[in-house]
Protein backbone atom coordinates (compact mmCIF):
# COMPACT_ATOMS: atom_id res chain seq x y z
CA MET A 1 35.40 210.72 139.91
CA MET A 2 33.01 210.53 142.88
CA GLN A 3 31.31 207.46 141.39
CA LEU A 4 34.69 205.73 140.93
CA LYS A 5 35.58 206.45 144.55
CA ARG A 6 32.26 204.97 145.73
CA LEU A 7 32.89 201.86 143.60
CA ARG A 8 36.29 201.36 145.21
CA LEU A 9 34.72 201.59 148.65
CA LEU A 10 32.07 199.05 147.72
CA LEU A 11 34.42 196.47 146.21
CA PRO A 12 35.55 194.81 149.51
CA ALA A 13 31.95 194.39 150.68
CA LEU A 14 30.93 193.06 147.26
CA ALA A 15 33.76 190.54 147.31
CA LEU A 16 32.74 189.36 150.76
CA ALA A 17 29.08 189.04 149.79
CA THR A 18 29.90 187.02 146.68
CA GLY A 19 32.50 184.83 148.37
CA LEU A 20 35.36 186.28 146.31
CA GLY A 21 37.00 187.52 149.49
CA ASN A 22 37.60 183.89 150.49
CA ALA A 23 39.65 183.12 147.37
CA ALA A 24 42.88 183.05 149.40
CA ALA A 25 41.45 180.87 152.20
CA GLU A 26 43.53 177.80 152.98
CA ALA A 27 41.74 174.55 152.18
CA LEU A 28 41.75 171.77 154.78
CA LYS A 29 40.20 168.31 154.83
CA VAL A 30 38.98 167.56 158.35
CA GLY A 31 37.74 164.13 159.44
CA TYR A 32 34.96 163.74 161.98
CA LEU A 33 32.57 161.20 163.47
CA PRO A 34 28.81 161.99 163.31
CA VAL A 35 28.49 162.42 167.07
CA THR A 36 27.61 165.27 169.42
CA GLY A 37 31.11 165.24 170.91
CA HIS A 38 32.53 166.56 167.64
CA ALA A 39 30.28 169.62 167.78
CA LYS A 40 33.15 172.12 167.75
CA PHE A 41 33.95 171.14 164.18
CA PHE A 42 30.34 171.80 163.21
CA VAL A 43 30.12 175.05 165.18
CA ALA A 44 33.39 176.38 163.76
CA LYS A 45 32.16 175.59 160.24
CA GLU A 46 28.56 176.80 160.52
CA GLN A 47 29.26 179.89 162.63
CA GLY A 48 32.04 181.10 160.32
CA LEU A 49 34.88 180.64 162.81
CA PHE A 50 37.05 178.65 160.40
CA ALA A 51 36.42 181.27 157.69
CA LYS A 52 37.25 184.05 160.16
CA GLU A 53 40.69 182.47 160.58
CA GLY A 54 41.21 182.16 156.82
CA LEU A 55 40.41 178.46 156.51
CA ASP A 56 38.18 176.76 153.95
CA VAL A 57 37.30 173.53 155.76
CA ASP A 58 35.80 170.48 154.11
CA LEU A 59 34.32 168.22 156.82
CA ILE A 60 34.55 164.53 155.89
CA GLU A 61 32.53 161.94 157.79
CA PHE A 62 33.88 158.62 159.09
CA GLN A 63 32.04 155.88 160.95
CA ASN A 64 34.83 154.85 163.31
CA SER A 65 38.21 156.00 164.61
CA ALA A 66 40.22 153.22 162.97
CA ASP A 67 39.22 154.26 159.44
CA GLY A 68 39.72 157.95 160.24
CA LEU A 69 43.21 157.50 161.67
CA ASN A 70 44.22 155.37 158.70
CA ALA A 71 43.14 158.23 156.42
CA ILE A 72 45.35 160.69 158.30
CA VAL A 73 48.36 158.37 158.23
CA ALA A 74 47.80 157.83 154.49
CA GLY A 75 47.71 161.59 153.86
CA LYS A 76 44.06 161.62 152.75
CA LEU A 77 43.07 163.98 155.58
CA ASP A 78 44.84 167.04 156.96
CA ILE A 79 43.50 166.62 160.49
CA GLY A 80 40.87 164.69 162.38
CA ALA A 81 39.69 163.68 165.84
CA PHE A 82 39.54 159.91 166.17
CA GLY A 83 39.56 158.67 169.75
CA THR A 84 42.56 158.24 172.00
CA THR A 85 42.93 154.51 171.41
CA ALA A 86 43.60 154.80 167.68
CA PRO A 87 46.32 157.49 167.78
CA VAL A 88 48.06 155.89 170.76
CA ALA A 89 48.06 152.50 168.99
CA HIS A 90 49.47 154.06 165.81
CA ILE A 91 52.14 155.98 167.74
CA ALA A 92 53.14 152.78 169.54
CA LYS A 93 53.77 151.24 166.11
CA GLY A 94 55.94 154.16 165.02
CA ALA A 95 53.45 156.24 163.01
CA LYS A 96 54.69 159.78 162.35
CA ILE A 97 51.68 161.58 163.78
CA LYS A 98 51.25 164.31 166.38
CA ILE A 99 48.50 165.13 168.87
CA ILE A 100 48.01 168.91 169.03
CA GLY A 101 44.75 169.21 170.96
CA GLY A 102 41.47 167.54 171.78
CA ILE A 103 37.80 167.68 170.89
CA MET A 104 36.13 165.78 173.75
CA GLY A 105 36.54 163.36 176.64
CA GLY A 106 34.50 160.62 178.29
CA ASP A 107 31.06 159.97 176.77
CA ALA A 108 31.13 156.19 176.26
CA ALA A 109 28.73 153.72 177.88
CA LEU A 110 28.00 150.01 178.13
CA ILE A 111 24.41 149.16 177.20
CA ALA A 112 22.29 146.03 177.63
CA THR A 113 18.69 144.83 177.46
CA PRO A 114 16.76 145.30 180.73
CA ALA A 115 17.03 141.55 181.42
CA ASN A 116 20.79 141.49 180.95
CA ALA A 117 21.27 144.84 182.69
CA ALA A 118 19.85 143.33 185.86
CA LYS A 119 22.73 140.83 185.83
CA ILE A 120 25.50 143.42 185.31
CA ALA A 121 26.12 145.49 188.43
CA SER A 122 29.79 146.08 187.63
CA VAL A 123 32.63 145.11 185.30
CA ALA A 124 33.23 142.04 187.47
CA ASP A 125 29.92 140.62 186.17
CA LEU A 126 31.10 140.61 182.54
CA GLY A 127 33.10 137.39 182.76
CA GLY A 128 31.85 134.90 180.17
CA LYS A 129 29.75 137.53 178.40
CA LYS A 130 29.60 138.49 174.73
CA ILE A 131 30.36 142.18 174.24
CA ALA A 132 30.03 144.26 171.07
CA THR A 133 32.23 147.29 170.58
CA VAL A 134 33.53 149.54 167.81
CA ARG A 135 37.07 148.94 166.67
CA MET A 136 39.60 151.33 168.21
CA ALA A 137 36.95 153.22 170.21
CA SER A 138 38.27 154.99 173.32
CA GLY A 139 35.63 153.38 175.52
CA ASP A 140 36.75 149.98 174.26
CA ALA A 141 40.26 150.47 175.64
CA VAL A 142 38.84 151.80 178.91
CA LEU A 143 36.65 148.71 179.26
CA ARG A 144 39.47 146.26 178.50
CA GLY A 145 41.63 148.00 181.09
CA ALA A 146 38.84 147.74 183.67
CA LEU A 147 38.38 144.04 182.88
CA LYS A 148 42.09 143.45 183.45
CA ASP A 149 41.89 145.29 186.79
CA LYS A 150 39.14 142.87 187.86
CA GLY A 151 41.19 139.85 186.90
CA ILE A 152 39.17 139.15 183.75
CA ASN A 153 41.26 138.35 180.68
CA TRP A 154 39.48 140.07 177.78
CA LYS A 155 41.20 137.71 175.33
CA THR A 156 39.89 134.50 176.90
CA ASP A 157 37.28 135.24 179.59
CA VAL A 158 34.90 137.31 177.43
CA GLN A 159 34.06 137.40 173.73
CA ILE A 160 34.54 140.83 172.15
CA PHE A 161 33.05 141.54 168.73
CA GLU A 162 34.38 144.63 166.93
CA LEU A 163 31.59 146.14 164.82
CA LYS A 164 31.56 149.01 162.33
CA ASN A 165 29.70 151.70 164.29
CA PRO A 166 27.43 152.33 167.32
CA PRO A 167 24.13 151.66 165.47
CA ALA A 168 25.46 148.18 164.63
CA VAL A 169 26.29 147.66 168.31
CA ILE A 170 22.78 148.71 169.36
CA GLU A 171 21.21 146.24 166.93
CA ALA A 172 23.46 143.43 168.17
CA VAL A 173 22.36 144.11 171.75
CA LYS A 174 18.67 144.39 170.87
CA SER A 175 18.71 141.18 168.84
CA GLY A 176 20.41 139.21 171.62
CA GLN A 177 23.52 138.43 169.57
CA VAL A 178 25.57 139.88 172.44
CA ASP A 179 24.98 140.41 176.16
CA ALA A 180 26.18 144.03 176.21
CA GLY A 181 27.56 146.64 173.85
CA LEU A 182 29.82 149.66 174.10
CA VAL A 183 28.73 152.87 172.34
CA TRP A 184 29.53 156.57 172.51
CA GLY A 185 27.17 159.52 172.90
CA PRO A 186 24.52 160.27 171.83
CA HIS A 187 24.04 156.60 170.89
CA ASP A 188 23.71 155.67 174.56
CA LEU A 189 20.68 157.98 174.67
CA ARG A 190 19.34 156.49 171.44
CA ALA A 191 19.71 153.05 173.00
CA GLU A 192 17.76 154.13 176.07
CA ASP A 193 14.99 155.53 173.88
CA GLN A 194 14.81 152.11 172.22
CA GLY A 195 14.31 150.33 175.54
CA LEU A 196 17.90 149.42 176.42
CA LYS A 197 19.70 150.31 179.64
CA VAL A 198 23.04 152.00 180.34
CA VAL A 199 24.83 149.84 182.91
CA ILE A 200 28.28 151.46 183.08
CA HIS A 201 29.69 154.81 181.92
CA SER A 202 33.32 154.89 180.80
CA THR A 203 34.01 157.74 183.23
CA ASP A 204 32.95 155.40 186.06
CA LEU A 205 35.88 153.19 185.07
CA GLN A 206 38.47 155.84 184.20
CA PRO A 207 37.35 159.25 185.52
CA GLY A 208 38.18 162.18 183.26
CA HIS A 209 39.61 160.02 180.50
CA PRO A 210 40.35 161.77 177.19
CA CYS A 211 38.62 160.76 174.03
CA CYS A 212 39.03 162.20 170.55
CA ARG A 213 42.39 163.93 170.05
CA LEU A 214 43.25 166.35 167.25
CA VAL A 215 45.81 164.48 165.16
CA VAL A 216 47.99 165.62 162.26
CA THR A 217 50.97 164.13 160.48
CA GLU A 218 54.40 165.06 161.75
CA ALA A 219 55.28 166.50 158.35
CA SER A 220 52.33 168.93 158.39
CA LEU A 221 53.70 170.68 161.48
CA LYS A 222 56.31 172.28 159.24
CA ASN A 223 53.58 174.85 158.61
CA PRO A 224 52.54 175.68 162.19
CA VAL A 225 50.58 178.81 161.21
CA THR A 226 47.89 176.62 159.66
CA TRP A 227 47.35 174.76 162.92
CA GLU A 228 47.45 177.93 164.98
CA LYS A 229 44.54 179.23 162.90
CA PHE A 230 42.75 175.90 163.22
CA LEU A 231 43.14 175.80 166.99
CA ARG A 232 41.98 179.41 167.29
CA ALA A 233 38.77 178.45 165.52
CA ILE A 234 38.28 175.34 167.67
CA LEU A 235 38.83 177.22 170.92
CA GLN A 236 36.43 179.96 169.86
CA ALA A 237 33.92 177.24 168.96
CA GLU A 238 34.30 175.80 172.47
CA LYS A 239 33.43 179.19 173.94
CA PHE A 240 30.56 179.70 171.49
CA ALA A 241 29.06 176.30 172.34
CA ALA A 242 29.22 177.05 176.05
CA GLU A 243 27.34 180.33 175.61
CA ASN A 244 24.99 179.74 172.65
CA LYS A 245 23.17 176.45 173.11
CA LYS A 246 20.40 176.78 170.53
CA GLU A 247 22.78 177.88 167.78
CA THR A 248 25.16 175.08 168.75
CA ILE A 249 22.41 172.47 168.41
CA ASP A 250 21.44 174.02 165.06
CA SER A 251 25.04 173.50 163.91
CA ILE A 252 25.23 169.91 165.16
CA ALA A 253 21.89 169.05 163.54
CA ARG A 254 23.37 169.66 160.08
CA TYR A 255 25.81 166.76 160.59
CA VAL A 256 24.20 164.42 163.15
CA LYS A 257 20.79 163.38 161.86
CA ILE A 258 18.89 162.44 164.98
CA ASP A 259 16.21 164.04 167.14
CA ARG A 260 17.15 167.54 168.35
CA GLN A 261 16.28 166.69 171.95
CA LEU A 262 18.84 163.88 171.79
CA LEU A 263 21.40 166.37 170.53
CA TRP A 264 20.66 168.68 173.46
CA ARG A 265 20.91 165.86 175.98
CA GLY A 266 23.98 164.42 174.29
CA TYR A 267 26.12 167.53 173.95
CA TYR A 268 25.19 169.19 177.23
CA SER A 269 25.70 165.97 179.18
CA GLN A 270 27.52 165.49 182.47
CA TYR A 271 29.38 162.58 180.87
CA LEU A 272 30.84 164.62 177.98
CA ASP A 273 33.98 166.67 178.57
CA GLN A 274 33.99 169.43 175.96
CA SER A 275 37.60 170.53 176.50
CA SER A 276 39.94 171.17 173.56
CA ASP A 277 43.03 170.77 175.76
CA PRO A 278 45.71 168.28 174.58
CA ASP A 279 45.64 166.72 178.10
CA VAL A 280 49.13 165.23 178.17
CA LYS A 281 48.67 163.65 181.60
CA GLY A 282 45.34 162.09 180.62
CA VAL A 283 46.68 160.63 177.35
CA LYS A 284 49.73 159.19 179.10
CA HIS A 285 47.55 157.51 181.71
CA PHE A 286 45.28 156.21 178.96
CA ALA A 287 48.31 154.74 177.16
CA ASP A 288 49.49 153.09 180.39
CA VAL A 289 46.07 151.43 180.73
CA MET A 290 46.34 150.18 177.14
CA VAL A 291 49.79 148.69 177.79
CA ASN A 292 48.80 147.13 181.13
CA SER A 293 45.71 145.52 179.62
CA GLU A 294 47.77 144.24 176.65
CA PHE A 295 45.67 146.21 174.19
CA ILE A 296 49.04 147.34 172.80
CA THR A 297 52.39 145.64 173.37
CA ALA A 298 54.80 148.59 173.12
CA LYS A 299 54.73 151.75 175.21
CA PRO A 300 54.45 154.79 172.91
CA ASP A 301 56.78 157.79 173.15
CA LEU A 302 54.11 160.36 173.95
CA ASP A 303 56.58 163.03 175.01
CA ALA A 304 57.57 163.24 171.36
CA ALA A 305 54.10 162.63 169.96
CA ILE A 306 52.10 165.25 171.87
CA ASP A 307 52.89 168.85 170.91
CA VAL A 308 51.22 171.36 173.24
CA ARG A 309 53.10 174.43 172.04
CA LEU A 310 50.59 175.53 169.42
CA TYR A 311 47.63 175.10 171.76
CA GLU A 312 49.37 177.01 174.53
CA LYS A 313 50.36 179.82 172.16
CA VAL A 314 46.87 180.22 170.73
CA LEU A 315 45.19 180.03 174.15
CA ASN A 316 47.46 182.74 175.48
CA GLN A 317 46.74 184.86 172.39
CA LEU A 318 43.01 184.64 172.99
CA ALA A 319 43.46 185.44 176.68
CA ARG A 320 45.47 188.56 175.81
CA GLU A 321 42.91 189.64 173.22
CA ASN A 322 40.12 189.27 175.79
CA PRO A 323 41.74 190.27 179.12
CA GLY A 324 38.47 190.58 181.02
CA ASP A 325 37.00 187.24 179.92
CA PRO A 326 37.15 184.54 182.64
CA PHE A 327 36.58 181.78 180.05
CA TRP A 328 40.16 181.98 178.77
CA LYS A 329 41.61 182.24 182.27
CA LYS A 330 39.77 179.04 183.20
CA LEU A 331 41.24 177.25 180.17
CA GLN A 332 44.72 178.51 181.02
CA LYS A 333 44.33 177.09 184.53
CA GLU A 334 43.19 173.75 183.07
CA PHE A 335 46.19 173.72 180.74
CA ARG A 336 48.60 174.13 183.64
CA ARG A 337 46.89 171.26 185.47
CA LYS A 338 46.65 168.85 182.53
CA ASP A 339 49.84 169.54 180.60
CA ALA A 340 52.50 170.91 182.97
């Protein structure tokens, strides 16, 4: 009888050790870009934060935001973080998607060879130039808006080439096929290591602009508990990354295959906003820039498309569970500023 009792006590630990305890975990397909800014996905996966919330997450890599957003709209992904440009453009066309949070902001840069960099002091110097970018990248929309503000028509006064990914942009700049190229971090650092120069940061043009938003289909919000668990994991990953730098870089290194020093410099960069906040005000301003620059022709209904309720609920939960932790109070203050 005593042996049977001991066996019953050991069964939960045995199930956990063998993975049987995760049999009821909810499976999710999550799309990401192989960049430092998406580190919270990697941290939540590698540090067991998704599993802690009862989620079995399969991380699926994409090379650009356009392809990732198309996968969400087509129902091939449950959630992903693919720029601000792509979801806003889809919403403007009537796509039934919702923004429920963010992964990062800022972190795009215009690069050029040293010779060309000397000729580009500001956006006003880009008239007549050839510029490589990545289709539907957030920095791309920021740049086109800045060109419009300077009286430069991006449709006629410059030549913009939409390439597949940042490495392709870097090669186009190095080979002289274009005068400048727009990339996101840490590819700006990779470009510098290869002898190129950063001439403009996207946050110079649109301070505090949002980048990758957490996007789901409208239909999937019928099961809000799933996304509450997901956001809990992401917010805890944000805190973990702020406090555990080595372990965070270890997690990123499993998904972004570049030099570790670049990962350090890329993720803990002054140009990368690591907030998970939905940032309603920032997304609306971003959309206004897209409309004004004629990147999109119709103004999207973002009041309907951005749902902050789940994020607010989860953030308040975490603050109540950790009443003495200033981290959650800081995020609550940011929420009131960005989303009220």
